[in-house]
Amino acid sequence: MATHYGVYSTITGLGITVGTLGAGALSDVAHASGHPALPWLGLTTLGLVSAGGFAILTRTPGWGTTPLAVPA
């Protein structure tokens, strides 16, 4: 169980690092190109794509319909 949490924490930390670096890079590009809305457009697009992916995932047949096994 501890290994599972360690892997989860590592992956989450990497995701946060990549996300922060990506947002910073977008901010730099926006500043250099004179388009101050670029980071907000990028982050909004990422949020919409994530929400769409979650909606597709939860529409998949069998999502959340498998009952848990109850010991007799």
C-alpha atoms as a PDB file:
ATOM      1  CA  MET A   1       0.000   0.000   0.000  1.00  0.00           C
ATOM      2  CA  ALA A   2       2.805   2.434   0.823  1.00  0.00           C
ATOM      3  CA  THR A   3       4.389   1.888  -2.604  1.00  0.00           C
ATOM      4  CA  HIS A   4       1.088   2.843  -4.238  1.00  0.00           C
ATOM      5  CA  TYR A   5       1.008   6.158  -2.371  1.00  0.00           C
ATOM      6  CA  GLY A   6       4.663   6.823  -3.171  1.00  0.00           C
ATOM      7  CA  VAL A   7       4.088   6.329  -6.905  1.00  0.00           C
ATOM      8  CA  TYR A   8       0.946   8.461  -6.768  1.00  0.00           C
ATOM      9  CA  SER A   9       2.788  11.272  -4.972  1.00  0.00           C
ATOM     10  CA  THR A  10       5.670  11.125  -7.448  1.00  0.00           C
ATOM     11  CA  ILE A  11       3.379  11.295 -10.482  1.00  0.00           C
ATOM     12  CA  THR A  12       1.352  14.106  -8.928  1.00  0.00           C
ATOM     13  CA  GLY A  13       4.528  16.055  -8.130  1.00  0.00           C
ATOM     14  CA  LEU A  14       5.754  15.657 -11.691  1.00  0.00           C
ATOM     15  CA  GLY A  15       2.392  16.827 -13.030  1.00  0.00           C
ATOM     16  CA  ILE A  16       2.453  19.898 -10.828  1.00  0.00           C
ATOM     17  CA  THR A  17       6.015  20.682 -11.912  1.00  0.00           C
ATOM     18  CA  VAL A  18       5.227  20.318 -15.624  1.00  0.00           C
ATOM     19  CA  GLY A  19       2.042  22.360 -15.237  1.00  0.00           C
ATOM     20  CA  THR A  20       3.804  25.176 -13.427  1.00  0.00           C
ATOM     21  CA  LEU A  21       6.643  25.266 -15.955  1.00  0.00           C
ATOM     22  CA  GLY A  22       4.154  25.212 -18.840  1.00  0.00           C
ATOM     23  CA  ALA A  23       2.102  28.061 -17.391  1.00  0.00           C
ATOM     24  CA  GLY A  24       5.284  30.064 -16.799  1.00  0.00           C
ATOM     25  CA  ALA A  25       6.449  29.449 -20.364  1.00  0.00           C
ATOM     26  CA  LEU A  26       3.041  30.542 -21.681  1.00  0.00           C
ATOM     27  CA  SER A  27       3.297  33.676 -19.567  1.00  0.00           C
ATOM     28  CA  ASP A  28       6.749  34.436 -20.981  1.00  0.00           C
ATOM     29  CA  VAL A  29       5.562  33.911 -24.557  1.00  0.00           C
ATOM     30  CA  ALA A  30       2.530  36.111 -23.898  1.00  0.00           C
ATOM     31  CA  HIS A  31       4.709  38.883 -22.516  1.00  0.00           C
ATOM     32  CA  ALA A  32       7.170  38.683 -25.413  1.00  0.00           C
ATOM     33  CA  SER A  33       4.466  38.581 -28.087  1.00  0.00           C
ATOM     34  CA  GLY A  34       2.231  41.251 -26.578  1.00  0.00           C
ATOM     35  CA  HIS A  35      -0.746  38.919 -26.095  1.00  0.00           C
ATOM     36  CA  PRO A  36      -1.522  39.104 -22.354  1.00  0.00           C
ATOM     37  CA  ALA A  37      -4.550  36.802 -22.636  1.00  0.00           C
ATOM     38  CA  LEU A  38      -2.500  33.855 -23.954  1.00  0.00           C
ATOM     39  CA  PRO A  39      -1.929  32.126 -20.577  1.00  0.00           C
ATOM     40  CA  TRP A  40      -5.616  32.419 -19.712  1.00  0.00           C
ATOM     41  CA  LEU A  41      -6.663  31.030 -23.069  1.00  0.00           C
ATOM     42  CA  GLY A  42      -4.239  28.128 -22.672  1.00  0.00           C
ATOM     43  CA  LEU A  43      -5.379  27.316 -19.137  1.00  0.00           C
ATOM     44  CA  THR A  44      -9.055  27.627 -20.118  1.00  0.00           C
ATOM     45  CA  THR A  45      -8.484  25.268 -23.049  1.00  0.00           C
ATOM     46  CA  LEU A  46      -6.757  22.773 -20.768  1.00  0.00           C
ATOM     47  CA  GLY A  47      -9.662  22.913 -18.319  1.00  0.00           C
ATOM     48  CA  LEU A  48     -12.253  22.405 -21.057  1.00  0.00           C
ATOM     49  CA  VAL A  49     -10.329  19.478 -22.555  1.00  0.00           C
ATOM     50  CA  SER A  50     -10.027  17.908 -19.087  1.00  0.00           C
ATOM     51  CA  ALA A  51     -13.753  18.355 -18.408  1.00  0.00           C
ATOM     52  CA  GLY A  52     -14.592  16.860 -21.803  1.00  0.00           C
ATOM     53  CA  GLY A  53     -12.354  13.873 -21.156  1.00  0.00           C
ATOM     54  CA  PHE A  54     -13.974  13.321 -17.772  1.00  0.00           C
ATOM     55  CA  ALA A  55     -17.449  13.529 -19.328  1.00  0.00           C
ATOM     56  CA  ILE A  56     -16.473  10.935 -21.935  1.00  0.00           C
ATOM     57  CA  LEU A  57     -14.933   8.705 -19.282  1.00  0.00           C
ATOM     58  CA  THR A  58     -18.038   8.753 -17.089  1.00  0.00           C
ATOM     59  CA  ARG A  59     -20.330   7.968 -20.049  1.00  0.00           C
ATOM     60  CA  THR A  60     -18.466   4.726 -20.691  1.00  0.00           C
ATOM     61  CA  PRO A  61     -20.789   1.733 -20.080  1.00  0.00           C
ATOM     62  CA  GLY A  62     -20.093   0.077 -16.780  1.00  0.00           C
ATOM     63  CA  TRP A  63     -18.601   3.154 -15.117  1.00  0.00           C
ATOM     64  CA  GLY A  64     -19.624   2.964 -11.481  1.00  0.00           C
ATOM     65  CA  THR A  65     -22.231   0.243 -12.065  1.00  0.00           C
ATOM     66  CA  THR A  66     -20.218  -2.696 -10.793  1.00  0.00           C
ATOM     67  CA  PRO A  67     -21.448  -3.462  -7.284  1.00  0.00           C
ATOM     68  CA  LEU A  68     -18.893  -4.030  -4.583  1.00  0.00           C
ATOM     69  CA  ALA A  69     -18.553  -7.573  -3.331  1.00  0.00           C
ATOM     70  CA  VAL A  70     -20.106  -7.919   0.106  1.00  0.00           C
ATOM     71  CA  PRO A  71     -18.739 -10.736   2.243  1.00  0.00           C
ATOM     72  CA  ALA A  72     -21.403 -13.197   3.350  1.00  0.00           C
END
